[in-house]
N, C-alpha and C. Protein backbone atom coordinates (compact mmCIF):
# COMPACT_ATOMS: atom_id res chain seq x y z
N UNK A 1 -39.81 6.42 -7.99
CA UNK A 1 -39.36 5.40 -8.96
C UNK A 1 -39.32 5.49 -10.53
N UNK A 2 -40.36 6.26 -10.83
CA UNK A 2 -40.40 6.44 -12.32
C UNK A 2 -38.90 7.46 -12.63
N UNK A 3 -39.47 8.51 -11.98
CA UNK A 3 -37.80 9.47 -11.98
C UNK A 3 -36.68 8.90 -12.18
N UNK A 4 -36.22 8.11 -11.43
CA UNK A 4 -35.42 7.06 -11.29
C UNK A 4 -34.76 6.27 -12.58
N UNK A 5 -35.93 5.78 -12.75
CA UNK A 5 -36.07 4.99 -14.49
C UNK A 5 -35.66 6.29 -15.32
N UNK A 6 -36.40 7.02 -15.03
CA UNK A 6 -36.37 7.93 -16.41
C UNK A 6 -34.43 8.27 -16.42
N UNK A 7 -34.08 8.68 -14.99
CA UNK A 7 -32.66 9.28 -15.41
C UNK A 7 -31.93 8.12 -15.36
N UNK A 8 -32.45 6.99 -15.30
CA UNK A 8 -31.14 5.76 -15.33
C UNK A 8 -31.07 5.68 -16.66
N UNK A 9 -32.11 5.81 -17.60
CA UNK A 9 -32.63 5.47 -19.00
C UNK A 9 -32.15 6.78 -19.68
N UNK A 10 -31.97 7.92 -19.20
CA UNK A 10 -31.40 9.21 -19.91
C UNK A 10 -29.96 9.21 -19.76
N UNK A 11 -29.22 8.66 -18.69
CA UNK A 11 -27.81 8.43 -18.60
C UNK A 11 -27.39 7.51 -19.38
N UNK A 12 -28.17 6.31 -19.48
CA UNK A 12 -27.95 5.25 -20.51
C UNK A 12 -27.75 5.66 -21.92
N UNK A 13 -28.85 6.23 -22.27
CA UNK A 13 -29.21 6.34 -23.67
C UNK A 13 -27.93 6.96 -24.60
N UNK A 14 -27.87 6.13 -25.62
CA UNK A 14 -26.66 6.67 -26.17
C UNK A 14 -26.77 7.65 -26.99
N UNK A 15 -25.53 8.11 -27.38
CA UNK A 15 -25.63 9.88 -27.99
C UNK A 15 -26.47 9.46 -29.10
N UNK A 16 -26.57 8.49 -29.88
CA UNK A 16 -27.45 8.39 -31.06
C UNK A 16 -28.85 8.87 -31.16
N UNK A 17 -29.11 8.99 -29.33
CA UNK A 17 -30.51 9.01 -29.43
C UNK A 17 -30.97 10.55 -29.36
N UNK A 18 -30.08 11.68 -29.50
CA UNK A 18 -30.45 12.81 -29.59
C UNK A 18 -30.85 12.96 -31.13
N UNK A 19 -32.33 13.99 -31.17
CA UNK A 19 -32.25 14.03 -32.56
C UNK A 19 -32.96 15.48 -32.53
N UNK A 20 -33.00 16.18 -33.54
CA UNK A 20 -33.56 17.52 -33.47
C UNK A 20 -35.56 17.47 -33.61
N UNK A 21 -35.85 16.25 -34.08
CA UNK A 21 -36.98 16.21 -33.81
C UNK A 21 -37.68 15.79 -32.51
N UNK A 22 -38.41 16.77 -32.13
CA UNK A 22 -39.08 16.65 -30.81
C UNK A 22 -38.00 17.47 -29.93
N UNK A 23 -37.12 17.64 -30.15
CA UNK A 23 -36.28 18.28 -29.26
C UNK A 23 -36.52 19.23 -28.09
N UNK A 24 -35.82 19.26 -26.94
CA UNK A 24 -36.29 20.61 -26.23
C UNK A 24 -36.33 21.92 -26.94
N UNK A 25 -37.13 22.89 -26.49
CA UNK A 25 -37.06 24.35 -27.04
C UNK A 25 -35.87 25.09 -26.28
N UNK A 26 -34.66 25.41 -27.04
CA UNK A 26 -33.31 25.86 -26.09
C UNK A 26 -33.83 27.29 -25.50
N UNK A 27 -34.67 27.93 -26.23
CA UNK A 27 -35.50 29.44 -25.80
C UNK A 27 -35.95 29.22 -24.18
N UNK A 28 -36.77 28.01 -23.90
CA UNK A 28 -37.13 27.51 -22.26
C UNK A 28 -35.82 27.13 -21.72
N UNK A 29 -35.41 26.71 -22.05
CA UNK A 29 -34.11 26.52 -21.09
C UNK A 29 -33.22 27.75 -20.75
N UNK A 30 -32.82 28.69 -21.81
CA UNK A 30 -32.27 29.87 -21.33
C UNK A 30 -33.05 30.71 -20.17
N UNK A 31 -34.32 30.63 -20.45
CA UNK A 31 -35.28 31.18 -19.54
C UNK A 31 -35.18 30.57 -18.34
N UNK A 32 -35.38 29.28 -18.40
CA UNK A 32 -35.24 28.58 -16.70
C UNK A 32 -34.02 29.11 -16.36
N UNK A 33 -32.82 29.25 -16.89
CA UNK A 33 -31.29 29.36 -16.37
C UNK A 33 -31.27 31.40 -16.24
N UNK A 34 -31.70 31.93 -17.03
CA UNK A 34 -31.57 33.29 -16.72
C UNK A 34 -32.67 33.93 -15.49
N UNK A 35 -33.59 32.97 -15.58
CA UNK A 35 -34.73 33.33 -14.27
C UNK A 35 -33.65 32.84 -12.62
N UNK A 36 -33.06 31.84 -12.88
CA UNK A 36 -32.46 31.40 -11.65
C UNK A 36 -31.16 32.54 -11.35
N UNK A 37 -30.88 32.80 -12.22
CA UNK A 37 -29.58 33.82 -11.85
C UNK A 37 -29.98 35.49 -11.40
N UNK A 38 -31.41 35.68 -12.56
CA UNK A 38 -32.30 36.87 -11.76
C UNK A 38 -32.72 36.49 -9.70
N UNK A 39 -33.18 35.24 -9.52
CA UNK A 39 -33.38 34.98 -8.16
C UNK A 39 -32.37 34.99 -7.56
N UNK A 40 -30.98 34.09 -7.70
CA UNK A 40 -29.68 34.50 -7.19
C UNK A 40 -29.05 35.77 -6.88
N UNK A 41 -29.38 36.41 -7.95
CA UNK A 41 -29.27 38.04 -7.34
C UNK A 41 -29.94 38.83 -6.47
N UNK A 42 -31.07 38.12 -6.52
CA UNK A 42 -32.12 38.78 -5.38
C UNK A 42 -32.01 38.26 -4.03
N UNK A 43 -31.11 37.32 -4.05
CA UNK A 43 -30.94 36.06 -2.98
C UNK A 43 -32.49 35.65 -2.19
N UNK A 44 -33.08 35.18 -3.43
CA UNK A 44 -34.50 34.62 -3.49
C UNK A 44 -34.37 33.01 -3.50
N UNK A 45 -34.36 32.60 -2.46
CA UNK A 45 -33.89 30.94 -2.20
C UNK A 45 -35.32 30.42 -2.99
N UNK A 46 -36.30 30.86 -2.31
CA UNK A 46 -37.85 30.32 -3.06
C UNK A 46 -37.72 30.37 -4.38
N UNK A 47 -37.47 31.39 -5.24
CA UNK A 47 -37.46 31.84 -6.63
C UNK A 47 -36.54 30.56 -6.95
N UNK A 48 -35.19 30.71 -6.78
CA UNK A 48 -34.33 30.15 -7.36
C UNK A 48 -34.62 28.61 -7.14
N UNK A 49 -35.26 27.86 -6.13
CA UNK A 49 -35.55 26.53 -5.77
C UNK A 49 -37.00 25.92 -6.63
N UNK A 50 -37.43 27.08 -7.02
CA UNK A 50 -38.61 26.96 -8.02
C UNK A 50 -38.72 26.16 -9.15
N UNK A 51 -37.28 26.40 -9.59
CA UNK A 51 -36.77 25.25 -11.37
C UNK A 51 -36.83 23.86 -10.88
N UNK A 52 -36.92 23.36 -9.84
CA UNK A 52 -36.66 22.02 -9.40
C UNK A 52 -37.92 21.30 -9.05
N UNK A 53 -38.22 19.99 -9.96
CA UNK A 53 -38.89 19.28 -9.26
C UNK A 53 -39.35 18.86 -7.62
N UNK A 54 -40.17 18.57 -7.19
CA UNK A 54 -40.40 18.56 -5.93
C UNK A 54 -39.40 17.46 -5.34
N UNK A 55 -39.15 16.33 -6.15
CA UNK A 55 -38.42 15.35 -5.53
C UNK A 55 -36.80 15.49 -6.56
N UNK A 56 -36.86 16.79 -6.67
CA UNK A 56 -35.11 16.95 -7.26
C UNK A 56 -34.19 16.23 -6.21
N UNK A 57 -33.21 16.26 -7.03
CA UNK A 57 -31.90 16.12 -6.24
C UNK A 57 -30.54 16.94 -6.69
N UNK A 58 -29.58 17.72 -5.69
CA UNK A 58 -28.70 18.41 -6.02
C UNK A 58 -27.50 18.35 -5.31
N UNK A 59 -26.53 18.22 -5.85
CA UNK A 59 -25.10 18.09 -5.71
C UNK A 59 -24.57 19.18 -5.39
N UNK A 60 -24.29 19.57 -4.01
CA UNK A 60 -23.39 20.88 -4.19
C UNK A 60 -22.07 20.94 -4.29
N UNK A 61 -21.71 22.07 -4.21
CA UNK A 61 -20.13 22.70 -4.77
C UNK A 61 -19.01 21.50 -3.79
N UNK A 62 -19.59 21.54 -2.79
CA UNK A 62 -18.90 20.42 -1.62
C UNK A 62 -18.96 19.23 -1.87
N UNK A 63 -20.20 18.62 -2.25
CA UNK A 63 -20.45 17.07 -2.31
C UNK A 63 -21.71 16.74 -1.52
N UNK A 64 -22.23 18.00 -0.96
CA UNK A 64 -23.26 17.36 -0.02
C UNK A 64 -24.91 17.04 -1.06
N UNK A 65 -25.27 16.36 -0.54
CA UNK A 65 -26.80 15.77 -1.22
C UNK A 65 -27.37 16.51 -1.00
N UNK A 66 -28.37 17.39 -1.45
CA UNK A 66 -29.60 18.01 -0.86
C UNK A 66 -30.81 17.22 -1.84
N UNK A 67 -31.95 16.69 -1.02
CA UNK A 67 -32.85 15.80 -1.64
C UNK A 67 -34.23 16.75 -1.50
N UNK A 68 -34.92 16.98 -2.26
CA UNK A 68 -35.94 17.94 -2.64
C UNK A 68 -35.94 18.92 -2.69
N UNK A 69 -36.95 19.71 -3.79
CA UNK A 69 -37.26 20.73 -3.56
C UNK A 69 -36.97 22.02 -2.32
N UNK A 70 -37.87 21.82 -1.20
CA UNK A 70 -37.60 22.05 0.11
C UNK A 70 -36.29 22.15 0.52
N UNK A 71 -35.47 20.99 0.31
CA UNK A 71 -34.10 20.94 1.21
C UNK A 71 -33.35 22.07 0.67
N UNK A 72 -33.51 21.98 -1.47
CA UNK A 72 -32.33 22.84 -2.10
C UNK A 72 -33.01 24.36 -1.42
N UNK A 73 -34.11 24.43 -1.37
CA UNK A 73 -34.60 25.98 -0.95
C UNK A 73 -33.95 26.29 0.00
N UNK A 74 -34.01 25.54 1.34
CA UNK A 74 -33.51 25.56 2.55
C UNK A 74 -32.09 25.93 2.96
N UNK A 75 -31.50 25.32 1.82
CA UNK A 75 -29.91 25.33 2.03
C UNK A 75 -29.55 26.34 1.52
N UNK A 76 -30.36 26.98 0.46
CA UNK A 76 -29.93 28.26 -0.28
C UNK A 76 -30.20 29.63 0.48
N UNK A 77 -31.29 29.73 1.12
CA UNK A 77 -32.04 30.28 2.02
C UNK A 77 -30.67 30.43 3.01
N UNK A 78 -30.21 29.49 3.55
CA UNK A 78 -28.83 29.76 4.38
C UNK A 78 -27.94 30.34 3.90
N UNK A 79 -27.55 30.21 3.05
CA UNK A 79 -26.25 30.40 2.48
C UNK A 79 -26.55 32.12 1.89
N UNK A 80 -27.73 32.32 1.03
CA UNK A 80 -28.24 33.65 1.10
C UNK A 80 -28.40 35.00 2.29
N UNK A 81 -28.08 34.21 3.54
CA UNK A 81 -28.48 34.88 4.89
C UNK A 81 -26.81 35.27 5.07
N UNK A 82 -25.98 34.26 4.45
CA UNK A 82 -24.60 34.38 5.16
C UNK A 82 -23.21 34.55 4.21
N UNK A 83 -23.14 33.63 4.05
CA UNK A 83 -21.78 33.72 2.95
C UNK A 83 -22.18 34.65 1.72
N UNK A 84 -23.18 34.20 1.06
CA UNK A 84 -23.52 34.62 -0.27
C UNK A 84 -24.85 35.86 -0.16
N UNK A 85 -24.73 36.80 1.02
CA UNK A 85 -25.71 37.42 0.94
C UNK A 85 -25.41 38.47 0.04
N UNK A 86 -24.38 39.05 -0.48
CA UNK A 86 -23.98 39.74 -1.38
C UNK A 86 -23.62 39.65 -2.42
N UNK A 87 -23.96 38.07 -2.68
CA UNK A 87 -23.03 37.54 -4.12
C UNK A 87 -23.79 37.83 -5.55
N UNK A 88 -23.21 37.80 -6.19
CA UNK A 88 -23.88 38.15 -7.60
C UNK A 88 -23.21 36.93 -8.87
N UNK A 89 -24.10 36.62 -9.24
CA UNK A 89 -23.92 35.47 -10.23
C UNK A 89 -24.23 36.02 -12.02
N UNK A 90 -23.15 35.37 -12.88
CA UNK A 90 -23.51 35.60 -14.24
C UNK A 90 -23.82 33.94 -14.82
N UNK A 91 -24.74 33.70 -15.55
CA UNK A 91 -24.64 32.24 -15.67
C UNK A 91 -24.94 32.42 -17.25
N UNK A 92 -23.88 31.56 -17.99
CA UNK A 92 -24.19 31.15 -19.67
C UNK A 92 -24.41 29.67 -19.61
N UNK A 93 -24.66 29.38 -20.77
CA UNK A 93 -25.42 27.99 -20.93
C UNK A 93 -24.30 27.56 -22.18
N UNK A 94 -23.80 26.48 -21.69
CA UNK A 94 -22.55 25.73 -22.55
C UNK A 94 -23.02 24.85 -23.49
N UNK A 95 -24.27 24.18 -23.23
CA UNK A 95 -24.24 23.12 -23.83
C UNK A 95 -25.93 22.82 -23.67
N UNK A 96 -26.76 22.25 -24.55
CA UNK A 96 -27.83 21.43 -24.06
C UNK A 96 -27.91 20.40 -24.89
N UNK A 97 -28.14 19.05 -24.44
CA UNK A 97 -28.36 18.52 -25.07
C UNK A 97 -29.73 17.61 -25.08
N UNK A 98 -30.61 17.28 -26.25
CA UNK A 98 -31.81 16.98 -25.91
C UNK A 98 -31.86 15.58 -26.42
N UNK A 99 -32.73 14.89 -25.43
CA UNK A 99 -32.88 13.60 -25.38
C UNK A 99 -34.45 13.37 -25.79
N UNK A 100 -34.92 13.35 -26.90
CA UNK A 100 -35.94 13.10 -27.28
C UNK A 100 -36.87 14.64 -27.27
N UNK A 101 -38.33 14.59 -26.74
CA UNK A 101 -39.01 15.79 -26.25
C UNK A 101 -39.16 15.70 -24.97
N UNK A 102 -38.43 14.98 -23.95
CA UNK A 102 -38.99 15.22 -22.55
C UNK A 102 -37.89 15.66 -21.70
N UNK A 103 -36.55 15.24 -22.24
CA UNK A 103 -35.14 15.25 -21.38
C UNK A 103 -34.23 16.03 -21.95
N UNK A 104 -33.47 16.66 -20.95
CA UNK A 104 -32.44 17.66 -21.55
C UNK A 104 -31.29 17.46 -20.77
N UNK A 105 -29.75 17.10 -21.16
CA UNK A 105 -28.62 17.85 -20.13
C UNK A 105 -28.43 19.07 -20.66
N UNK A 106 -28.26 19.88 -19.42
CA UNK A 106 -28.21 21.33 -20.13
C UNK A 106 -26.72 21.59 -18.86
N UNK A 107 -25.57 21.93 -19.34
CA UNK A 107 -24.24 22.37 -19.13
C UNK A 107 -24.58 23.85 -18.79
N UNK A 108 -24.30 24.86 -17.64
CA UNK A 108 -24.10 26.03 -17.64
C UNK A 108 -22.34 26.40 -16.76
N UNK A 109 -22.07 27.38 -16.86
CA UNK A 109 -20.87 27.84 -16.60
C UNK A 109 -21.62 29.19 -15.53
N UNK A 110 -21.42 28.99 -13.94
CA UNK A 110 -21.67 30.11 -13.26
C UNK A 110 -20.33 30.87 -12.82
N UNK A 111 -20.73 32.54 -12.82
CA UNK A 111 -19.80 32.88 -12.16
C UNK A 111 -19.86 33.84 -10.56
N UNK A 112 -19.33 33.55 -10.18
CA UNK A 112 -19.86 33.97 -8.77
C UNK A 112 -18.97 34.80 -8.41
N UNK A 113 -19.61 36.31 -7.91
CA UNK A 113 -18.90 37.15 -7.32
C UNK A 113 -19.49 37.69 -5.89
N UNK A 114 -18.27 38.83 -5.16
CA UNK A 114 -18.96 39.79 -4.30
C UNK A 114 -19.68 38.77 -3.11
N UNK A 115 -18.80 37.62 -3.19
CA UNK A 115 -19.35 36.86 -1.68
C UNK A 115 -18.75 36.95 -0.36
N UNK A 116 -18.93 36.61 0.68
CA UNK A 116 -17.92 36.74 1.78
C UNK A 116 -16.84 36.15 1.85
N UNK A 117 -17.22 34.17 1.56
CA UNK A 117 -16.23 33.71 1.42
C UNK A 117 -16.80 32.38 1.04
N UNK A 118 -15.86 31.70 0.64
CA UNK A 118 -16.61 30.53 0.07
C UNK A 118 -16.14 29.17 0.83
N UNK A 119 -17.06 28.35 0.79
CA UNK A 119 -17.00 26.93 1.64
C UNK A 119 -15.52 26.58 1.69
N UNK A 120 -15.34 25.53 2.64
CA UNK A 120 -14.08 25.17 2.81
C UNK A 120 -13.92 24.87 2.05
N UNK A 121 -12.57 24.58 1.46
CA UNK A 121 -11.47 23.56 0.63
C UNK A 121 -12.23 24.31 -1.10
N UNK A 122 -12.88 25.22 -1.18
CA UNK A 122 -13.22 25.72 -2.25
C UNK A 122 -12.44 27.50 -2.52
N UNK A 123 -11.31 27.31 -4.10
CA UNK A 123 -10.79 28.35 -4.03
C UNK A 123 -11.29 29.09 -5.32
N UNK A 124 -11.04 30.90 -5.08
CA UNK A 124 -11.72 31.43 -6.14
C UNK A 124 -10.63 30.63 -7.89
N UNK A 125 -11.65 30.98 -8.89
CA UNK A 125 -10.77 30.20 -10.11
C UNK A 125 -9.98 31.47 -10.61
N UNK A 126 -10.48 32.54 -10.59
CA UNK A 126 -9.34 34.18 -11.10
C UNK A 126 -8.90 34.63 -10.18
N UNK A 127 -7.90 35.14 -10.59
CA UNK A 127 -7.09 36.32 -9.58
C UNK A 127 -8.26 37.05 -9.03
N UNK A 128 -9.28 37.53 -9.86
CA UNK A 128 -9.86 38.97 -9.35
C UNK A 128 -11.00 38.43 -8.08
N UNK A 129 -10.93 36.92 -8.03
CA UNK A 129 -11.89 36.28 -7.02
C UNK A 129 -12.85 35.60 -7.29
N UNK A 130 -13.29 35.63 -8.83
CA UNK A 130 -14.38 35.42 -9.25
C UNK A 130 -14.50 33.31 -9.15
N UNK A 131 -15.08 32.97 -8.51
CA UNK A 131 -15.45 31.88 -8.69
C UNK A 131 -15.94 31.25 -9.99
N UNK A 132 -15.48 30.27 -10.64
CA UNK A 132 -16.29 29.80 -11.68
C UNK A 132 -16.63 28.17 -11.48
N UNK A 133 -18.05 27.99 -11.83
CA UNK A 133 -18.39 26.37 -11.94
C UNK A 133 -19.14 26.23 -13.09
N UNK A 134 -19.00 24.70 -12.88
CA UNK A 134 -19.74 23.81 -14.09
C UNK A 134 -20.91 23.33 -13.15
N UNK A 135 -22.27 23.65 -13.72
CA UNK A 135 -23.42 23.19 -13.29
C UNK A 135 -23.88 22.53 -14.48
N UNK A 136 -23.86 21.06 -14.14
CA UNK A 136 -25.07 20.47 -14.72
C UNK A 136 -26.23 20.04 -14.29
N UNK A 137 -27.46 20.23 -15.11
CA UNK A 137 -28.69 20.35 -14.97
C UNK A 137 -29.13 19.23 -15.84
N UNK A 138 -30.10 17.85 -15.02
CA UNK A 138 -31.20 17.37 -16.03
C UNK A 138 -32.29 17.81 -15.85
N UNK A 139 -32.76 18.47 -17.25
CA UNK A 139 -34.06 18.91 -17.20
C UNK A 139 -35.42 17.71 -17.82
N UNK A 140 -36.40 17.93 -17.00
CA UNK A 140 -37.48 17.23 -17.12
C UNK A 140 -38.55 17.87 -17.99
N UNK A 141 -39.73 17.30 -18.77
CA UNK A 141 -40.54 18.03 -19.05
C UNK A 141 -41.74 17.18 -18.58
N UNK A 142 -42.65 18.10 -17.37
CA UNK A 142 -43.29 17.31 -16.55
C UNK A 142 -44.61 17.45 -17.45
N UNK A 143 -45.91 16.36 -17.01
CA UNK A 143 -47.29 16.10 -17.44
C UNK A 143 -47.98 17.18 -17.26
N UNK A 144 -47.45 18.71 -16.78
CA UNK A 144 -48.00 20.08 -16.54
C UNK A 144 -47.45 21.07 -17.49
N UNK A 145 -46.83 20.24 -18.33
CA UNK A 145 -46.09 20.88 -19.56
C UNK A 145 -44.85 21.87 -19.25
N UNK A 146 -44.75 21.79 -17.69
CA UNK A 146 -43.37 22.75 -17.81
C UNK A 146 -42.05 22.23 -17.84
N UNK A 147 -40.88 22.41 -17.79
CA UNK A 147 -39.64 22.09 -17.89
C UNK A 147 -39.14 22.15 -16.63
N UNK A 148 -38.55 21.06 -15.83
CA UNK A 148 -38.18 21.42 -14.58
C UNK A 148 -36.66 20.72 -14.34
N UNK A 149 -35.78 21.13 -13.32
CA UNK A 149 -34.61 20.52 -13.11
C UNK A 149 -34.95 19.24 -12.37
N UNK A 150 -34.64 18.40 -12.54
CA UNK A 150 -34.95 16.85 -11.72
C UNK A 150 -33.56 16.69 -10.91
N UNK A 151 -32.47 17.04 -11.67
CA UNK A 151 -31.27 16.76 -11.20
C UNK A 151 -29.91 17.67 -11.39
N UNK A 152 -29.09 18.00 -10.47
CA UNK A 152 -28.22 19.21 -10.76
C UNK A 152 -27.26 18.49 -10.21
N UNK A 153 -25.82 19.22 -10.36
CA UNK A 153 -24.37 18.87 -9.98
C UNK A 153 -23.79 19.94 -10.19
N UNK A 154 -22.97 20.82 -9.03
CA UNK A 154 -21.99 22.02 -8.93
C UNK A 154 -20.89 21.56 -8.84
N UNK A 155 -20.10 21.92 -10.04
CA UNK A 155 -18.23 21.31 -9.74
C UNK A 155 -17.19 22.58 -9.81
N UNK A 156 -16.74 23.10 -9.28
CA UNK A 156 -15.74 24.19 -8.88
C UNK A 156 -14.68 23.99 -10.27
N UNK A 157 -14.54 25.15 -11.13
CA UNK A 157 -13.29 25.03 -12.08
C UNK A 157 -12.15 25.53 -11.36
N UNK A 158 -11.21 24.76 -11.43
CA UNK A 158 -9.91 24.91 -11.06
C UNK A 158 -9.13 25.82 -11.30
N UNK A 159 -7.97 26.32 -10.62
CA UNK A 159 -7.51 27.35 -11.62
C UNK A 159 -6.48 26.44 -12.33
N UNK A 160 -6.04 26.82 -13.45
CA UNK A 160 -5.32 26.52 -14.37
C UNK A 160 -3.74 27.05 -14.21
């Protein structure tokens, strides 16, 4: 319940609440994103999911809601064993918006290559077969002093 209240407050907070005082350390955010890319490229679902809070929610590229770190890890283990077993990602951070010292919205761009196939209804973005997606994370600072992903949503970038 507390996480839901935090997320509700976060989503409803006016943009004027952004401040540089007590803002998230962007180097930490970039490190989390880099570790996720490394874990993906090793096809290590446990390491990829480790960045999430135990009760995180993740909406994947086809709209499936995964609830909790365990479910997120399980689904990614399935993908790494099948259609994404040879896949590679490059992740860039497009934007980090701090909401005080304990919450941030992080938008990344994933570039996925070398997959066996894509999920139904998903098409490559680029003619070379690269799929680009926008992954948005809500990151929160835990009582243990570690930043984790509390919520994420992945959306395919359509061809223009």
